[in-house]
Amino acid sequence: MPFLILSALLAGAMLPLQGAFNAKLARALGSAFWAAGISALLSAFLLFGAGIYLTRGLPRTVDLVALPLWAWAGGICGVITLAGIAFATPRLGAAGMVALVITGQVVFSLLLDRLGMFDMPQHPLTLQRFLAAGMLLGGAVLIR
């Protein structure tokens, strides 16, 4: 469990760093989309290299044809995330961007949980969860 907590904290720490790095790259390139593209390309190279090294081979491919079309859409989410962060960070500041990204993540997660979308298990939208999302939104507004 400590490793999982550390992994999540480290991933969270990367978000404002990624925003700062991609914002600088976007200014130099003249576009948040170009910065996001370069960031995604570098990410792809690193992930493929790590995947080959850590799993000692190539990925399984036998089950890919049975996947629903939406299972391939993670890359679209990545594009929106990378470009949005590169665009928003210099305008909102790192703290404002992160606060709004986290709020967006939690609000949409509640929707995914409630509806059980994309083969996710269903979880009820309780008053406590609703209030927690509202508090996050209030915190994002206060940070901004």
C-alpha atoms as a PDB file:
ATOM      1  CA  MET A   1       0.000   0.000   0.000  1.00  0.00           C
ATOM      2  CA  PRO A   2       2.757   2.566   0.723  1.00  0.00           C
ATOM      3  CA  PHE A   3       4.101   2.068  -2.815  1.00  0.00           C
ATOM      4  CA  LEU A   4       0.639   2.708  -4.276  1.00  0.00           C
ATOM      5  CA  ILE A   5       0.234   5.873  -2.225  1.00  0.00           C
ATOM      6  CA  LEU A   6       3.699   7.075  -3.224  1.00  0.00           C
ATOM      7  CA  SER A   7       2.949   6.298  -6.888  1.00  0.00           C
ATOM      8  CA  ALA A   8      -0.276   8.308  -6.774  1.00  0.00           C
ATOM      9  CA  LEU A   9       1.414  11.236  -5.020  1.00  0.00           C
ATOM     10  CA  LEU A  10       4.257  11.213  -7.536  1.00  0.00           C
ATOM     11  CA  ALA A  11       1.790  11.118 -10.438  1.00  0.00           C
ATOM     12  CA  GLY A  12      -0.048  14.062  -8.907  1.00  0.00           C
ATOM     13  CA  ALA A  13       3.207  15.986  -8.509  1.00  0.00           C
ATOM     14  CA  MET A  14       3.899  15.505 -12.220  1.00  0.00           C
ATOM     15  CA  LEU A  15       0.756  17.378 -13.297  1.00  0.00           C
ATOM     16  CA  PRO A  16       1.928  20.906 -12.423  1.00  0.00           C
ATOM     17  CA  LEU A  17       5.418  20.071 -13.703  1.00  0.00           C
ATOM     18  CA  GLN A  18       3.963  18.848 -16.977  1.00  0.00           C
ATOM     19  CA  GLY A  19       1.911  22.013 -17.196  1.00  0.00           C
ATOM     20  CA  ALA A  20       4.955  24.227 -16.663  1.00  0.00           C
ATOM     21  CA  PHE A  21       7.097  22.265 -19.121  1.00  0.00           C
ATOM     22  CA  ASN A  22       4.431  22.119 -21.824  1.00  0.00           C
ATOM     23  CA  ALA A  23       3.500  25.780 -21.365  1.00  0.00           C
ATOM     24  CA  LYS A  24       7.141  26.765 -21.975  1.00  0.00           C
ATOM     25  CA  LEU A  25       7.298  24.455 -24.985  1.00  0.00           C
ATOM     26  CA  ALA A  26       4.000  25.877 -26.294  1.00  0.00           C
ATOM     27  CA  ARG A  27       5.348  29.424 -26.094  1.00  0.00           C
ATOM     28  CA  ALA A  28       8.462  28.419 -28.026  1.00  0.00           C
ATOM     29  CA  LEU A  29       6.464  26.504 -30.658  1.00  0.00           C
ATOM     30  CA  GLY A  30       3.620  29.022 -30.859  1.00  0.00           C
ATOM     31  CA  SER A  31       0.947  26.420 -30.101  1.00  0.00           C
ATOM     32  CA  ALA A  32      -0.282  24.317 -27.183  1.00  0.00           C
ATOM     33  CA  PHE A  33      -1.228  21.642 -29.728  1.00  0.00           C
ATOM     34  CA  TRP A  34       2.337  21.318 -31.025  1.00  0.00           C
ATOM     35  CA  ALA A  35       3.640  21.171 -27.465  1.00  0.00           C
ATOM     36  CA  ALA A  36       1.096  18.485 -26.612  1.00  0.00           C
ATOM     37  CA  GLY A  37       2.058  16.528 -29.725  1.00  0.00           C
ATOM     38  CA  ILE A  38       5.742  16.577 -28.888  1.00  0.00           C
ATOM     39  CA  SER A  39       4.972  15.648 -25.291  1.00  0.00           C
ATOM     40  CA  ALA A  40       2.779  12.757 -26.445  1.00  0.00           C
ATOM     41  CA  LEU A  41       5.429  11.564 -28.898  1.00  0.00           C
ATOM     42  CA  LEU A  42       8.082  11.541 -26.184  1.00  0.00           C
ATOM     43  CA  SER A  43       5.624   9.786 -23.847  1.00  0.00           C
ATOM     44  CA  ALA A  44       4.962   7.123 -26.483  1.00  0.00           C
ATOM     45  CA  PHE A  45       8.665   6.411 -26.988  1.00  0.00           C
ATOM     46  CA  LEU A  46       9.260   6.180 -23.246  1.00  0.00           C
ATOM     47  CA  LEU A  47       6.217   3.987 -22.654  1.00  0.00           C
ATOM     48  CA  PHE A  48       7.072   1.597 -25.485  1.00  0.00           C
ATOM     49  CA  GLY A  49      10.646   1.335 -24.251  1.00  0.00           C
ATOM     50  CA  ALA A  50       9.559   0.785 -20.648  1.00  0.00           C
ATOM     51  CA  GLY A  51       6.913  -1.717 -21.753  1.00  0.00           C
ATOM     52  CA  ILE A  52       9.419  -3.806 -23.705  1.00  0.00           C
ATOM     53  CA  TYR A  53      12.001  -3.627 -20.928  1.00  0.00           C
ATOM     54  CA  LEU A  54       9.691  -4.258 -17.963  1.00  0.00           C
ATOM     55  CA  THR A  55       7.574  -6.995 -19.533  1.00  0.00           C
ATOM     56  CA  ARG A  56      10.488  -8.558 -21.401  1.00  0.00           C
ATOM     57  CA  GLY A  57       8.667  -8.546 -24.704  1.00  0.00           C
ATOM     58  CA  LEU A  58       5.913  -7.187 -26.862  1.00  0.00           C
ATOM     59  CA  PRO A  59       2.248  -6.845 -25.829  1.00  0.00           C
ATOM     60  CA  ARG A  60      -0.336  -9.569 -26.394  1.00  0.00           C
ATOM     61  CA  THR A  61      -2.487  -8.839 -29.399  1.00  0.00           C
ATOM     62  CA  VAL A  62      -4.936 -11.747 -29.580  1.00  0.00           C
ATOM     63  CA  ASP A  63      -7.772  -9.995 -27.740  1.00  0.00           C
ATOM     64  CA  LEU A  64      -7.512  -6.629 -29.499  1.00  0.00           C
ATOM     65  CA  VAL A  65     -10.075  -7.348 -32.211  1.00  0.00           C
ATOM     66  CA  ALA A  66     -12.726  -8.114 -29.589  1.00  0.00           C
ATOM     67  CA  LEU A  67     -12.377  -4.722 -27.905  1.00  0.00           C
ATOM     68  CA  PRO A  68     -15.201  -2.202 -28.269  1.00  0.00           C
ATOM     69  CA  LEU A  69     -14.326   0.887 -30.280  1.00  0.00           C
ATOM     70  CA  TRP A  70     -14.416   3.130 -27.210  1.00  0.00           C
ATOM     71  CA  ALA A  71     -11.536   1.163 -25.625  1.00  0.00           C
ATOM     72  CA  TRP A  72      -9.203   2.821 -28.150  1.00  0.00           C
ATOM     73  CA  ALA A  73     -10.198   6.371 -27.156  1.00  0.00           C
ATOM     74  CA  GLY A  74      -7.657   6.815 -24.343  1.00  0.00           C
ATOM     75  CA  GLY A  75      -5.345   8.588 -26.766  1.00  0.00           C
ATOM     76  CA  ILE A  76      -8.045  11.168 -27.462  1.00  0.00           C
ATOM     77  CA  CYS A  77      -8.303  11.792 -23.716  1.00  0.00           C
ATOM     78  CA  GLY A  78      -4.535  12.210 -23.588  1.00  0.00           C
ATOM     79  CA  VAL A  79      -4.575  14.759 -26.410  1.00  0.00           C
ATOM     80  CA  ILE A  80      -7.242  16.825 -24.685  1.00  0.00           C
ATOM     81  CA  THR A  81      -5.395  16.583 -21.369  1.00  0.00           C
ATOM     82  CA  LEU A  82      -1.979  17.510 -22.756  1.00  0.00           C
ATOM     83  CA  ALA A  83      -3.240  20.389 -24.883  1.00  0.00           C
ATOM     84  CA  GLY A  84      -5.576  21.672 -22.170  1.00  0.00           C
ATOM     85  CA  ILE A  85      -2.835  21.684 -19.549  1.00  0.00           C
ATOM     86  CA  ALA A  86      -0.349  23.386 -21.890  1.00  0.00           C
ATOM     87  CA  PHE A  87      -2.964  26.023 -22.755  1.00  0.00           C
ATOM     88  CA  ALA A  88      -4.391  26.591 -19.261  1.00  0.00           C
ATOM     89  CA  THR A  89      -1.300  26.568 -17.032  1.00  0.00           C
ATOM     90  CA  PRO A  90       0.203  29.935 -18.045  1.00  0.00           C
ATOM     91  CA  ARG A  91      -3.227  31.567 -17.896  1.00  0.00           C
ATOM     92  CA  LEU A  92      -4.537  30.049 -14.660  1.00  0.00           C
ATOM     93  CA  GLY A  93      -1.266  29.315 -12.885  1.00  0.00           C
ATOM     94  CA  ALA A  94      -0.175  25.835 -11.839  1.00  0.00           C
ATOM     95  CA  ALA A  95      -2.362  25.752  -8.712  1.00  0.00           C
ATOM     96  CA  GLY A  96      -5.482  26.990 -10.522  1.00  0.00           C
ATOM     97  CA  MET A  97      -4.978  24.517 -13.358  1.00  0.00           C
ATOM     98  CA  VAL A  98      -4.440  21.578 -11.011  1.00  0.00           C
ATOM     99  CA  ALA A  99      -7.432  22.531  -8.840  1.00  0.00           C
ATOM    100  CA  LEU A 100      -9.721  22.688 -11.872  1.00  0.00           C
ATOM    101  CA  VAL A 101      -8.296  19.492 -13.411  1.00  0.00           C
ATOM    102  CA  ILE A 102      -8.837  17.601 -10.158  1.00  0.00           C
ATOM    103  CA  THR A 103     -12.365  19.004  -9.856  1.00  0.00           C
ATOM    104  CA  GLY A 104     -13.103  17.914 -13.425  1.00  0.00           C
ATOM    105  CA  GLN A 105     -11.678  14.472 -12.709  1.00  0.00           C
ATOM    106  CA  VAL A 106     -13.779  13.976  -9.587  1.00  0.00           C
ATOM    107  CA  VAL A 107     -17.014  15.314 -11.090  1.00  0.00           C
ATOM    108  CA  PHE A 108     -16.720  13.113 -14.178  1.00  0.00           C
ATOM    109  CA  SER A 109     -15.632  10.164 -12.015  1.00  0.00           C
ATOM    110  CA  LEU A 110     -18.852  10.519 -10.037  1.00  0.00           C
ATOM    111  CA  LEU A 111     -20.785  10.342 -13.313  1.00  0.00           C
ATOM    112  CA  LEU A 112     -18.822   7.262 -14.430  1.00  0.00           C
ATOM    113  CA  ASP A 113     -19.440   5.635 -11.049  1.00  0.00           C
ATOM    114  CA  ARG A 114     -23.141   6.493 -10.969  1.00  0.00           C
ATOM    115  CA  LEU A 115     -23.896   5.279 -14.482  1.00  0.00           C
ATOM    116  CA  GLY A 116     -21.377   2.439 -14.608  1.00  0.00           C
ATOM    117  CA  MET A 117     -20.183   3.744 -17.970  1.00  0.00           C
ATOM    118  CA  PHE A 118     -17.557   1.893 -20.036  1.00  0.00           C
ATOM    119  CA  ASP A 119     -17.809  -1.336 -18.036  1.00  0.00           C
ATOM    120  CA  MET A 120     -17.004   0.382 -14.741  1.00  0.00           C
ATOM    121  CA  PRO A 121     -18.775  -0.911 -11.620  1.00  0.00           C
ATOM    122  CA  GLN A 122     -21.678   1.248 -10.440  1.00  0.00           C
ATOM    123  CA  HIS A 123     -21.431   3.258  -7.233  1.00  0.00           C
ATOM    124  CA  PRO A 124     -24.250   5.460  -5.923  1.00  0.00           C
ATOM    125  CA  LEU A 125     -24.084   9.249  -5.977  1.00  0.00           C
ATOM    126  CA  THR A 126     -24.558   9.902  -2.282  1.00  0.00           C
ATOM    127  CA  LEU A 127     -25.067  13.257  -0.623  1.00  0.00           C
ATOM    128  CA  GLN A 128     -21.584  12.965   0.859  1.00  0.00           C
ATOM    129  CA  ARG A 129     -19.978  12.417  -2.574  1.00  0.00           C
ATOM    130  CA  PHE A 130     -22.036  15.249  -4.078  1.00  0.00           C
ATOM    131  CA  LEU A 131     -21.002  17.637  -1.306  1.00  0.00           C
ATOM    132  CA  ALA A 132     -17.348  16.598  -1.632  1.00  0.00           C
ATOM    133  CA  ALA A 133     -17.430  17.451  -5.360  1.00  0.00           C
ATOM    134  CA  GLY A 134     -19.024  20.794  -4.548  1.00  0.00           C
ATOM    135  CA  MET A 135     -16.319  21.510  -1.988  1.00  0.00           C
ATOM    136  CA  LEU A 136     -13.652  20.710  -4.570  1.00  0.00           C
ATOM    137  CA  LEU A 137     -15.272  23.131  -6.974  1.00  0.00           C
ATOM    138  CA  GLY A 138     -15.421  25.769  -4.243  1.00  0.00           C
ATOM    139  CA  GLY A 139     -11.747  25.144  -3.458  1.00  0.00           C
ATOM    140  CA  ALA A 140     -10.839  25.519  -7.145  1.00  0.00           C
ATOM    141  CA  VAL A 141     -12.689  28.835  -7.262  1.00  0.00           C
ATOM    142  CA  LEU A 142     -10.894  30.028  -4.116  1.00  0.00           C
ATOM    143  CA  ILE A 143      -7.482  29.008  -5.483  1.00  0.00           C
ATOM    144  CA  ARG A 144      -8.214  30.747  -8.760  1.00  0.00           C
END
